Amino acid sequence: MKVVLITGCSTGIGRDLAHRLAHSGYSVVATARNVETLEGLEVALKLPLDVTRSESIQKAVDRTLEQFGRIDVLVNNAGYAVFGAAEEIPDQHLQGMFDVNVFGMMRMVRAVAPHMRAHIAAQMVSRPASCRPASCRPAANRQAACRIVNVSSIVGKLVTPANGAYAASKFAVEAFSDALRLEMEPFGIQVVLVEPGGIKTHFADAAQARARGILSNRTSPYQPLYRQFQRTTESMRRGEPGPEAVSRVIQQAIEAPRPKARYLAGIPFSGRLVIFLRDYVWDQVVRQMFRMSPDAV
């Protein structure tokens, strides 16, 4: 029974994933900054965990190892977003987005990866000598391999106005994960990116609430953009799938014998086509969506 540690389980994707994996037989460690928000979630262990605080991370990792002895899968799902033009987002929110989305993920990897590496090495040492040739190295041993799943976003590939700062943090997640995948591979730790599209959760509502002062500022030169941004996002959200569209893909990424480097989740065919053609058509798509002209001054 694999042990899965998930960050950001209070609502949305994290909570749905914790529920899904627990009912699939995994030993799920569900975490949230406020552990009270995990009430009613039936999992093996619930822990407080603030990814912006190293001591909080270490306590959660130590408690997990104390109970289970290992962590087979880490899902970095915790996220933080604020909407607004890059010029108008205050440092507090800029730092918050990178502290949770990027540095928090890095902190989790630093805390968990050494234990994964040690667990895999111990498994290999315990095998008979006949099962330790080059073909049985951890990188080739799919049963021994541990896995890190980093939840990114479609905005880590496609950026819209009034969402550039959050997108920048997700672009950083993409770069970090691509490097981490190659660095961890020799030790048998597989790194996977999951890139959700627009998903119907409380995440967007929370981002809107944090940005209320920015988006409602009538003196802002970006007010026409903000009005169109609100109309566009409200229209798009009506067709969004629920968090199960992402948690289902994350489970596939966890269980795939040979996982792909990245998985799209909850993105319709049109969105996937735009990703494929982004260098050619994305600017035109955005200008039409937000009624922007390249000649405007």
Protein backbone atom coordinates (compact mmCIF):
# COMPACT_ATOMS: atom_id res chain seq x y z
CA MET A 1 0.00 0.00 0.00
CA LYS A 2 1.72 3.19 -1.19
CA VAL A 3 2.02 6.21 1.09
CA VAL A 4 1.00 9.46 -0.60
CA LEU A 5 1.62 12.89 0.95
CA ILE A 6 -0.53 15.65 -0.58
CA THR A 7 -0.28 19.38 0.09
CA GLY A 8 -3.23 21.76 -0.14
CA CYS A 9 -6.11 19.38 0.69
CA SER A 10 -8.53 21.83 2.27
CA THR A 11 -10.65 22.20 -0.89
CA GLY A 12 -10.72 21.57 -4.61
CA ILE A 13 -8.22 19.34 -6.37
CA GLY A 14 -6.26 18.36 -3.26
CA ARG A 15 -9.32 17.32 -1.30
CA ASP A 16 -10.82 15.40 -4.21
CA LEU A 17 -7.49 13.66 -4.84
CA ALA A 18 -7.11 12.68 -1.20
CA HIS A 19 -10.63 11.20 -1.21
CA ARG A 20 -10.03 9.39 -4.53
CA LEU A 21 -6.72 7.83 -3.54
CA ALA A 22 -7.91 6.81 -0.07
CA HIS A 23 -10.84 4.96 -1.64
CA SER A 24 -8.38 3.32 -4.08
CA GLY A 25 -6.41 1.76 -1.23
CA TYR A 26 -3.57 4.26 -0.77
CA SER A 27 -2.35 5.41 2.65
CA VAL A 28 -3.10 9.10 2.17
CA VAL A 29 -1.54 11.84 4.28
CA ALA A 30 -3.74 14.88 3.66
CA THR A 31 -2.32 18.24 4.71
CA ALA A 32 -3.52 21.82 4.85
CA ARG A 33 -2.36 25.03 6.47
CA ASN A 34 -5.38 24.84 8.78
CA VAL A 35 -5.94 21.19 9.67
CA GLU A 36 -9.53 21.97 10.74
CA THR A 37 -10.44 22.33 7.06
CA LEU A 38 -9.75 18.60 6.61
CA GLU A 39 -12.67 17.62 8.82
CA GLY A 40 -14.81 14.91 7.24
CA LEU A 41 -12.01 13.70 4.96
CA GLU A 42 -11.48 9.96 5.49
CA VAL A 43 -7.76 9.39 5.06
CA ALA A 44 -5.00 7.60 6.96
CA LEU A 45 -3.52 10.78 8.46
CA LYS A 46 -4.37 14.50 8.55
CA LEU A 47 -1.65 17.01 9.34
CA PRO A 48 -1.16 20.79 9.45
CA LEU A 49 1.37 21.89 6.87
CA ASP A 50 2.28 25.39 5.73
CA VAL A 51 4.57 25.13 2.70
CA THR A 52 5.96 28.62 3.39
CA ARG A 53 7.47 27.45 6.70
CA SER A 54 10.30 24.92 6.71
CA GLU A 55 9.66 23.89 10.31
CA SER A 56 6.01 23.11 9.49
CA ILE A 57 7.10 20.98 6.53
CA GLN A 58 9.65 19.10 8.61
CA LYS A 59 7.12 18.32 11.33
CA ALA A 60 4.67 16.91 8.77
CA VAL A 61 7.35 14.83 7.04
CA ASP A 62 8.67 13.51 10.39
CA ARG A 63 5.15 12.60 11.54
CA THR A 64 4.49 10.77 8.27
CA LEU A 65 7.73 8.80 8.50
CA GLU A 66 7.04 8.02 12.15
CA GLN A 67 3.71 6.41 11.24
CA PHE A 68 4.47 4.82 7.86
CA GLY A 69 8.26 4.63 7.60
CA ARG A 70 8.35 6.03 4.07
CA ILE A 71 6.79 8.39 1.52
CA ASP A 72 6.23 6.78 -1.88
CA VAL A 73 4.50 9.68 -3.61
CA LEU A 74 4.60 13.44 -2.99
CA VAL A 75 1.91 15.55 -4.64
CA ASN A 76 2.77 19.27 -4.58
CA ASN A 77 -0.69 20.76 -4.97
CA ALA A 78 -0.80 23.80 -2.66
CA GLY A 79 -1.36 27.01 -4.61
CA TYR A 80 -1.93 30.75 -4.24
CA ALA A 81 -3.13 33.25 -6.84
CA VAL A 82 -4.01 36.94 -7.14
CA PHE A 83 -5.32 38.54 -10.31
CA GLY A 84 -4.33 41.94 -11.62
CA ALA A 85 -1.99 43.74 -14.00
CA ALA A 86 1.65 43.12 -13.17
CA GLU A 87 2.17 46.80 -12.42
CA GLU A 88 -0.56 46.88 -9.79
CA ILE A 89 0.02 43.71 -7.75
CA PRO A 90 1.72 44.67 -4.45
CA ASP A 91 4.85 42.93 -3.22
CA GLN A 92 2.90 41.07 -0.54
CA HIS A 93 0.90 39.16 -3.13
CA LEU A 94 3.80 38.74 -5.57
CA GLN A 95 5.92 37.23 -2.83
CA GLY A 96 2.99 35.13 -1.61
CA MET A 97 2.48 33.54 -5.02
CA PHE A 98 6.13 32.62 -5.45
CA ASP A 99 6.52 31.58 -1.81
CA VAL A 100 3.69 29.05 -2.07
CA ASN A 101 3.76 28.00 -5.72
CA VAL A 102 7.52 27.84 -6.30
CA PHE A 103 9.56 28.03 -3.10
CA GLY A 104 7.00 25.94 -1.20
CA MET A 105 7.34 23.21 -3.80
CA MET A 106 11.12 23.41 -3.57
CA ARG A 107 10.97 23.16 0.22
CA MET A 108 8.78 20.06 -0.01
CA VAL A 109 11.20 18.41 -2.44
CA ARG A 110 14.18 19.18 -0.20
CA ALA A 111 12.38 17.65 2.77
CA VAL A 112 11.05 14.51 1.06
CA ALA A 113 13.50 13.54 -1.69
CA PRO A 114 16.32 12.38 0.63
CA HIS A 115 13.94 9.95 2.33
CA MET A 116 12.69 8.66 -1.01
CA ARG A 117 16.26 8.14 -2.19
CA ALA A 118 17.18 6.30 1.02
CA HIS A 119 14.08 4.10 0.80
CA ILE A 120 14.86 3.08 -2.79
CA ALA A 121 18.51 2.42 -1.95
CA ALA A 122 17.48 0.23 0.99
CA GLN A 123 15.16 -1.76 -1.25
CA MET A 124 17.95 -2.39 -3.72
CA VAL A 125 20.44 -3.44 -1.04
CA SER A 126 17.92 -5.89 0.42
CA ARG A 127 17.50 -7.66 -2.94
CA PRO A 128 19.49 -10.82 -3.69
CA ALA A 129 22.81 -10.27 -5.44
CA SER A 130 21.39 -11.94 -8.56
CA CYS A 131 18.89 -9.07 -8.85
CA ARG A 132 21.40 -6.24 -8.68
CA PRO A 133 22.98 -5.98 -12.13
CA ALA A 134 22.87 -2.77 -14.14
CA SER A 135 19.34 -3.63 -15.30
CA CYS A 136 18.13 -3.49 -11.67
CA ARG A 137 19.41 -0.01 -10.93
CA PRO A 138 16.76 2.20 -9.23
CA ALA A 139 16.12 4.21 -12.39
CA ALA A 140 15.13 1.05 -14.21
CA ASN A 141 13.30 -0.56 -11.31
CA ARG A 142 9.73 0.70 -11.77
CA GLN A 143 8.38 -1.09 -8.70
CA ALA A 144 10.97 0.49 -6.42
CA ALA A 145 10.58 3.97 -7.90
CA CYS A 146 9.05 6.80 -5.88
CA ARG A 147 7.22 9.62 -7.56
CA ILE A 148 6.88 13.41 -7.21
CA VAL A 149 3.84 14.99 -8.88
CA ASN A 150 3.94 18.76 -9.28
CA VAL A 151 0.64 20.47 -10.06
CA SER A 152 1.26 23.30 -12.49
CA SER A 153 -1.37 24.99 -14.70
CA ILE A 154 -2.20 25.73 -18.30
CA VAL A 155 -1.09 29.31 -17.49
CA GLY A 156 2.41 27.89 -17.17
CA LYS A 157 2.19 27.68 -20.97
CA LEU A 158 -0.39 30.28 -22.02
CA VAL A 159 -0.58 33.70 -20.35
CA THR A 160 -3.52 36.09 -20.31
CA PRO A 161 -3.55 39.75 -19.25
CA ALA A 162 -4.31 40.36 -15.55
CA ASN A 163 -2.85 36.96 -14.69
CA GLY A 164 0.82 37.43 -15.52
CA ALA A 165 2.24 37.23 -11.99
CA TYR A 166 0.52 33.93 -11.19
CA ALA A 167 1.49 32.61 -14.63
CA ALA A 168 5.11 33.60 -13.96
CA SER A 169 5.11 31.41 -10.84
CA LYS A 170 3.75 28.49 -12.88
CA PHE A 171 6.33 29.02 -15.63
CA ALA A 172 8.89 28.68 -12.82
CA VAL A 173 7.22 25.42 -11.71
CA GLU A 174 7.55 24.10 -15.26
CA ALA A 175 11.27 24.90 -15.38
CA PHE A 176 11.94 23.55 -11.91
CA SER A 177 10.12 20.29 -12.65
CA ASP A 178 11.89 19.74 -15.96
CA ALA A 179 15.29 20.05 -14.26
CA LEU A 180 14.18 18.01 -11.24
CA ARG A 181 12.94 15.17 -13.46
CA LEU A 182 16.43 14.66 -14.90
CA GLU A 183 18.18 15.14 -11.57
CA MET A 184 16.02 12.59 -9.73
CA GLU A 185 15.92 9.98 -12.49
CA PRO A 186 19.20 8.19 -11.62
CA PHE A 187 17.89 7.57 -8.09
CA GLY A 188 14.60 6.03 -9.22
CA ILE A 189 12.49 9.07 -8.29
CA GLN A 190 10.15 9.95 -11.15
CA VAL A 191 8.96 13.55 -11.49
CA VAL A 192 5.70 14.34 -13.27
CA LEU A 193 3.98 17.63 -14.12
CA VAL A 194 0.18 17.85 -14.21
CA GLU A 195 -1.17 20.93 -16.00
CA PRO A 196 -4.84 21.66 -15.26
CA GLY A 197 -6.96 24.02 -17.29
CA GLY A 198 -9.76 26.07 -15.75
CA ILE A 199 -11.32 23.97 -12.98
CA LYS A 200 -14.46 24.72 -11.00
CA THR A 201 -13.13 25.01 -7.44
CA HIS A 202 -12.86 27.65 -4.71
CA PHE A 203 -9.34 28.51 -5.93
CA ALA A 204 -10.45 31.10 -8.49
CA ASP A 205 -12.94 32.60 -6.03
CA ALA A 206 -10.17 33.01 -3.45
CA ALA A 207 -7.92 34.63 -6.07
CA GLN A 208 -10.72 37.04 -6.99
CA ALA A 209 -11.31 37.87 -3.34
CA ARG A 210 -7.64 38.67 -2.75
CA ALA A 211 -7.66 40.88 -5.86
CA ARG A 212 -10.90 42.70 -5.07
CA GLY A 213 -9.13 45.94 -4.19
CA ILE A 214 -7.08 45.81 -7.38
CA LEU A 215 -9.86 44.87 -9.79
CA SER A 216 -12.38 47.35 -8.32
CA ASN A 217 -10.05 50.37 -8.27
CA ARG A 218 -11.92 52.88 -10.45
CA THR A 219 -8.85 55.08 -10.86
CA SER A 220 -6.77 52.27 -12.35
CA PRO A 221 -5.75 52.76 -16.00
CA TYR A 222 -6.42 49.03 -16.39
CA GLN A 223 -10.08 49.27 -15.44
CA PRO A 224 -11.32 48.50 -19.01
CA LEU A 225 -9.09 45.41 -19.02
CA TYR A 226 -10.36 44.34 -15.60
CA ARG A 227 -13.99 44.62 -16.68
CA GLN A 228 -13.32 42.48 -19.72
CA PHE A 229 -11.25 40.06 -17.64
CA GLN A 230 -14.17 39.56 -15.26
CA ARG A 231 -16.61 39.02 -18.13
CA THR A 232 -14.30 36.60 -19.91
CA THR A 233 -13.49 34.54 -16.84
CA GLU A 234 -17.14 34.36 -15.75
CA SER A 235 -18.09 33.12 -19.21
CA MET A 236 -15.29 30.54 -19.28
CA ARG A 237 -16.07 29.24 -15.78
CA ARG A 238 -19.57 28.18 -16.78
CA GLY A 239 -18.10 25.35 -18.83
CA GLU A 240 -15.34 24.30 -16.44
CA PRO A 241 -15.13 20.70 -15.20
CA GLY A 242 -14.89 19.87 -11.51
CA PRO A 243 -11.73 18.90 -9.58
CA GLU A 244 -12.26 15.23 -10.37
CA ALA A 245 -11.04 15.96 -13.92
CA VAL A 246 -7.62 16.70 -12.44
CA SER A 247 -7.50 14.20 -9.55
CA ARG A 248 -8.30 11.42 -12.03
CA VAL A 249 -5.31 12.42 -14.18
CA ILE A 250 -3.04 12.68 -11.13
CA GLN A 251 -3.98 9.13 -10.16
CA GLN A 252 -3.13 8.01 -13.69
CA ALA A 253 0.25 9.76 -13.39
CA ILE A 254 0.89 8.00 -10.07
CA GLU A 255 -0.05 4.56 -11.39
CA ALA A 256 1.45 4.67 -14.91
CA PRO A 257 4.31 2.12 -15.19
CA ARG A 258 6.21 4.62 -17.31
CA PRO A 259 4.77 8.07 -16.56
CA LYS A 260 4.92 10.88 -19.09
CA ALA A 261 6.84 14.04 -18.24
CA ARG A 262 3.59 16.08 -18.25
CA TYR A 263 -0.14 15.49 -18.33
CA LEU A 264 -2.83 17.96 -19.40
CA ALA A 265 -5.99 17.83 -17.29
CA GLY A 266 -9.41 19.36 -17.81
CA ILE A 267 -8.40 21.07 -21.06
CA PRO A 268 -10.71 20.73 -24.09
CA PHE A 269 -9.42 19.89 -27.56
CA SER A 270 -9.47 23.56 -28.62
CA GLY A 271 -7.22 24.46 -25.69
CA ARG A 272 -4.84 21.61 -26.49
CA LEU A 273 -4.67 22.80 -30.10
CA VAL A 274 -3.83 26.33 -28.99
CA ILE A 275 -1.04 24.97 -26.77
CA PHE A 276 0.38 23.13 -29.76
CA LEU A 277 0.19 26.25 -31.95
CA ARG A 278 0.81 28.83 -29.25
CA ASP A 279 3.76 30.58 -30.88
CA TYR A 280 1.63 31.22 -33.96
CA VAL A 281 -1.85 31.97 -32.73
CA TRP A 282 -1.89 32.74 -28.99
CA ASP A 283 -1.41 36.50 -29.20
CA GLN A 284 -4.26 36.73 -31.71
CA VAL A 285 -6.52 34.59 -29.51
CA VAL A 286 -5.83 36.78 -26.47
CA ARG A 287 -6.43 40.01 -28.39
CA GLN A 288 -9.83 38.72 -29.49
CA MET A 289 -10.73 37.45 -26.00
CA PHE A 290 -9.82 40.72 -24.32
CA ARG A 291 -10.70 43.04 -27.24
CA MET A 292 -7.18 44.40 -27.40
CA SER A 293 -5.57 46.05 -30.40
CA PRO A 294 -1.82 45.96 -31.07
CA ASP A 295 -2.17 49.55 -32.33
CA ALA A 296 -3.75 50.85 -29.10
CA VAL A 297 -1.81 53.51 -27.18
